[in-house]
Amino acid sequence: MAKAPRPKESFETAIAELEEIVRQMESGEAGLEQSLEQYQRGVELVRQCRGALDGAEQRIRQLQDGVLVDIAPTGDDTAER
C-alpha cells in the first residue's frame, strides 16, 4: 500500500527537518534502508523548499512590477527610521 503524501510544512520547518536529516546521514547513525528513506524524504523537502522560494521570488517580482521603488538617496533619511 502506498504511503499518503505528507502535508506541506512551513519553509522553516522543512529546512529544520532537512538539516536534521543531513546531520543524521553525516553521522552514519542510520543503516542503509533508513538512509535511503531519509534521502528520499530529503529530496521531497528540497523540492518543497525550492517551490516555496520560487513562489516568493515570483511574488517579489509582482510587487516590483506593481510598485515603483525609489532607491535613490533623497538626502532626508529620517522618514525611514
N, C-alpha and C. Protein backbone atom coordinates (compact mmCIF):
# COMPACT_ATOMS: atom_id res chain seq x y z
N MET A 1 0.84 -1.17 0.00
CA MET A 1 0.00 0.00 0.00
C MET A 1 0.89 1.24 0.00
N ALA A 2 0.58 2.21 -0.87
CA ALA A 2 1.38 3.43 -0.98
C ALA A 2 1.11 4.34 0.21
N LYS A 3 2.16 5.03 0.62
CA LYS A 3 2.02 5.98 1.72
C LYS A 3 1.28 7.22 1.23
N ALA A 4 0.45 7.77 2.09
CA ALA A 4 -0.25 9.02 1.77
C ALA A 4 0.77 10.15 1.81
N PRO A 5 0.65 11.10 0.90
CA PRO A 5 1.60 12.22 0.93
C PRO A 5 1.47 13.02 2.21
N ARG A 6 2.61 13.47 2.71
CA ARG A 6 2.61 14.27 3.93
C ARG A 6 2.13 15.69 3.60
N PRO A 7 1.47 16.32 4.56
CA PRO A 7 1.10 17.71 4.33
C PRO A 7 2.36 18.57 4.29
N LYS A 8 2.30 19.66 3.54
CA LYS A 8 3.46 20.54 3.43
C LYS A 8 3.66 21.31 4.74
N GLU A 9 4.90 21.34 5.17
CA GLU A 9 5.27 22.10 6.35
C GLU A 9 5.61 23.52 5.92
N SER A 10 5.78 24.38 6.90
CA SER A 10 6.26 25.72 6.57
C SER A 10 7.69 25.59 6.05
N PHE A 11 8.15 26.62 5.37
CA PHE A 11 9.50 26.62 4.84
C PHE A 11 10.51 26.39 5.95
N GLU A 12 10.33 27.09 7.07
CA GLU A 12 11.28 26.99 8.19
C GLU A 12 11.29 25.58 8.79
N THR A 13 10.11 24.97 8.91
CA THR A 13 10.02 23.62 9.44
C THR A 13 10.69 22.62 8.50
N ALA A 14 10.47 22.81 7.20
CA ALA A 14 11.08 21.92 6.21
C ALA A 14 12.59 22.02 6.24
N ILE A 15 13.11 23.24 6.35
CA ILE A 15 14.56 23.44 6.41
C ILE A 15 15.14 22.77 7.66
N ALA A 16 14.46 22.93 8.79
CA ALA A 16 14.94 22.32 10.05
C ALA A 16 14.96 20.80 9.93
N GLU A 17 13.93 20.23 9.33
CA GLU A 17 13.90 18.77 9.15
C GLU A 17 15.01 18.33 8.20
N LEU A 18 15.22 19.08 7.15
CA LEU A 18 16.28 18.76 6.20
C LEU A 18 17.65 18.81 6.87
N GLU A 19 17.88 19.81 7.70
CA GLU A 19 19.15 19.90 8.43
C GLU A 19 19.34 18.70 9.35
N GLU A 20 18.27 18.25 9.99
CA GLU A 20 18.36 17.09 10.88
C GLU A 20 18.67 15.83 10.07
N ILE A 21 18.05 15.68 8.92
CA ILE A 21 18.33 14.52 8.06
C ILE A 21 19.80 14.52 7.66
N VAL A 22 20.31 15.67 7.25
CA VAL A 22 21.72 15.77 6.84
C VAL A 22 22.62 15.40 8.01
N ARG A 23 22.31 15.91 9.20
CA ARG A 23 23.12 15.61 10.38
C ARG A 23 23.15 14.10 10.65
N GLN A 24 21.98 13.46 10.60
CA GLN A 24 21.91 12.02 10.85
C GLN A 24 22.66 11.23 9.80
N MET A 25 22.51 11.63 8.54
CA MET A 25 23.19 10.90 7.47
C MET A 25 24.70 11.07 7.56
N GLU A 26 25.15 12.27 7.89
CA GLU A 26 26.60 12.51 8.02
C GLU A 26 27.20 11.77 9.20
N SER A 27 26.40 11.54 10.24
CA SER A 27 26.92 10.86 11.43
C SER A 27 27.05 9.36 11.23
N GLY A 28 26.37 8.82 10.23
CA GLY A 28 26.42 7.38 9.99
C GLY A 28 25.59 6.59 10.98
N GLU A 29 24.67 7.25 11.69
CA GLU A 29 23.82 6.59 12.69
C GLU A 29 22.86 5.57 12.08
N ALA A 30 22.42 5.82 10.86
CA ALA A 30 21.37 5.01 10.25
C ALA A 30 21.96 3.92 9.37
N GLY A 31 21.21 2.85 9.24
CA GLY A 31 21.58 1.78 8.33
C GLY A 31 21.23 2.16 6.89
N LEU A 32 21.49 1.27 5.96
CA LEU A 32 21.28 1.55 4.56
C LEU A 32 19.82 1.88 4.25
N GLU A 33 18.91 1.04 4.70
CA GLU A 33 17.48 1.25 4.39
C GLU A 33 16.98 2.58 4.97
N GLN A 34 17.33 2.85 6.21
CA GLN A 34 16.91 4.10 6.82
C GLN A 34 17.56 5.30 6.11
N SER A 35 18.80 5.15 5.70
CA SER A 35 19.48 6.22 4.97
C SER A 35 18.78 6.50 3.65
N LEU A 36 18.35 5.44 2.96
CA LEU A 36 17.63 5.63 1.70
C LEU A 36 16.30 6.34 1.93
N GLU A 37 15.60 5.98 2.99
CA GLU A 37 14.34 6.65 3.32
C GLU A 37 14.58 8.11 3.66
N GLN A 38 15.65 8.37 4.42
CA GLN A 38 15.98 9.75 4.77
C GLN A 38 16.36 10.55 3.52
N TYR A 39 17.10 9.92 2.63
CA TYR A 39 17.48 10.59 1.39
C TYR A 39 16.24 10.95 0.58
N GLN A 40 15.31 10.00 0.48
CA GLN A 40 14.07 10.25 -0.25
C GLN A 40 13.29 11.40 0.38
N ARG A 41 13.20 11.41 1.70
CA ARG A 41 12.50 12.49 2.39
C ARG A 41 13.23 13.81 2.15
N GLY A 42 14.55 13.77 2.17
CA GLY A 42 15.33 14.97 1.92
C GLY A 42 15.06 15.54 0.53
N VAL A 43 14.95 14.68 -0.47
CA VAL A 43 14.64 15.13 -1.83
C VAL A 43 13.26 15.80 -1.85
N GLU A 44 12.28 15.21 -1.16
CA GLU A 44 10.95 15.81 -1.08
C GLU A 44 11.02 17.20 -0.45
N LEU A 45 11.78 17.32 0.63
CA LEU A 45 11.90 18.59 1.33
C LEU A 45 12.61 19.64 0.48
N VAL A 46 13.65 19.24 -0.24
CA VAL A 46 14.36 20.17 -1.12
C VAL A 46 13.42 20.69 -2.20
N ARG A 47 12.63 19.80 -2.78
CA ARG A 47 11.66 20.22 -3.81
C ARG A 47 10.63 21.18 -3.23
N GLN A 48 10.16 20.87 -2.04
CA GLN A 48 9.18 21.74 -1.38
C GLN A 48 9.79 23.12 -1.11
N CYS A 49 11.00 23.15 -0.58
CA CYS A 49 11.66 24.42 -0.28
C CYS A 49 11.94 25.20 -1.56
N ARG A 50 12.38 24.52 -2.59
CA ARG A 50 12.64 25.18 -3.87
C ARG A 50 11.35 25.81 -4.41
N GLY A 51 10.23 25.09 -4.28
CA GLY A 51 8.95 25.63 -4.72
C GLY A 51 8.55 26.86 -3.92
N ALA A 52 8.79 26.82 -2.61
CA ALA A 52 8.47 27.96 -1.76
C ALA A 52 9.33 29.17 -2.13
N LEU A 53 10.61 28.94 -2.39
CA LEU A 53 11.50 30.03 -2.78
C LEU A 53 11.12 30.59 -4.15
N ASP A 54 10.77 29.71 -5.08
CA ASP A 54 10.33 30.17 -6.40
C ASP A 54 9.07 31.00 -6.28
N GLY A 55 8.14 30.57 -5.43
CA GLY A 55 6.90 31.32 -5.21
C GLY A 55 7.17 32.68 -4.60
N ALA A 56 8.08 32.74 -3.65
CA ALA A 56 8.43 34.01 -3.02
C ALA A 56 9.08 34.95 -4.04
N GLU A 57 9.95 34.40 -4.87
CA GLU A 57 10.60 35.20 -5.90
C GLU A 57 9.58 35.77 -6.88
N GLN A 58 8.61 34.96 -7.25
CA GLN A 58 7.56 35.41 -8.16
C GLN A 58 6.73 36.53 -7.52
N ARG A 59 6.41 36.38 -6.25
CA ARG A 59 5.65 37.42 -5.54
C ARG A 59 6.44 38.73 -5.48
N ILE A 60 7.73 38.63 -5.24
CA ILE A 60 8.59 39.82 -5.20
C ILE A 60 8.59 40.52 -6.56
N ARG A 61 8.71 39.74 -7.62
CA ARG A 61 8.69 40.33 -8.96
C ARG A 61 7.36 41.03 -9.23
N GLN A 62 6.26 40.41 -8.81
CA GLN A 62 4.95 41.02 -9.00
C GLN A 62 4.85 42.33 -8.22
N LEU A 63 5.37 42.34 -7.01
CA LEU A 63 5.36 43.56 -6.22
C LEU A 63 6.22 44.64 -6.85
N GLN A 64 7.37 44.26 -7.36
CA GLN A 64 8.25 45.23 -8.00
C GLN A 64 7.61 45.79 -9.27
N ASP A 65 6.89 44.97 -9.99
CA ASP A 65 6.22 45.42 -11.21
C ASP A 65 5.07 46.37 -10.89
N GLY A 66 4.43 46.16 -9.75
CA GLY A 66 3.26 46.96 -9.40
C GLY A 66 3.57 48.18 -8.57
N VAL A 67 4.76 48.27 -8.02
CA VAL A 67 5.11 49.37 -7.13
C VAL A 67 6.42 49.98 -7.60
N LEU A 68 6.43 51.28 -7.76
CA LEU A 68 7.66 51.97 -8.11
C LEU A 68 8.51 52.08 -6.85
N VAL A 69 9.67 51.49 -6.87
CA VAL A 69 10.55 51.51 -5.71
C VAL A 69 11.61 52.58 -5.94
N ASP A 70 11.63 53.57 -5.08
CA ASP A 70 12.61 54.64 -5.18
C ASP A 70 13.77 54.31 -4.25
N ILE A 71 14.89 53.90 -4.86
CA ILE A 71 16.05 53.54 -4.03
C ILE A 71 17.12 54.61 -4.07
N ALA A 72 16.88 55.69 -4.83
CA ALA A 72 17.86 56.77 -4.88
C ALA A 72 17.83 57.55 -3.58
N PRO A 73 18.98 57.89 -3.04
CA PRO A 73 19.00 58.65 -1.79
C PRO A 73 18.37 60.02 -1.99
N THR A 74 17.58 60.45 -1.01
CA THR A 74 16.90 61.73 -1.09
C THR A 74 17.58 62.79 -0.24
N GLY A 75 18.50 62.34 0.59
CA GLY A 75 19.18 63.28 1.47
C GLY A 75 18.49 63.39 2.82
N ASP A 76 17.24 63.00 2.91
CA ASP A 76 16.49 63.04 4.16
C ASP A 76 16.07 61.62 4.50
N ASP A 77 16.91 60.94 5.27
CA ASP A 77 16.61 59.55 5.60
C ASP A 77 15.92 59.40 6.94
N THR A 78 15.43 60.49 7.50
CA THR A 78 14.75 60.42 8.80
C THR A 78 13.40 59.77 8.67
N ALA A 79 12.79 59.79 7.49
CA ALA A 79 11.49 59.17 7.30
C ALA A 79 11.57 57.67 7.36
N GLU A 80 12.74 57.11 7.09
CA GLU A 80 12.92 55.65 7.09
C GLU A 80 13.09 55.11 8.51
N ARG A 81 13.35 55.94 9.46
CA ARG A 81 13.62 55.48 10.82
C ARG A 81 12.39 55.39 11.64
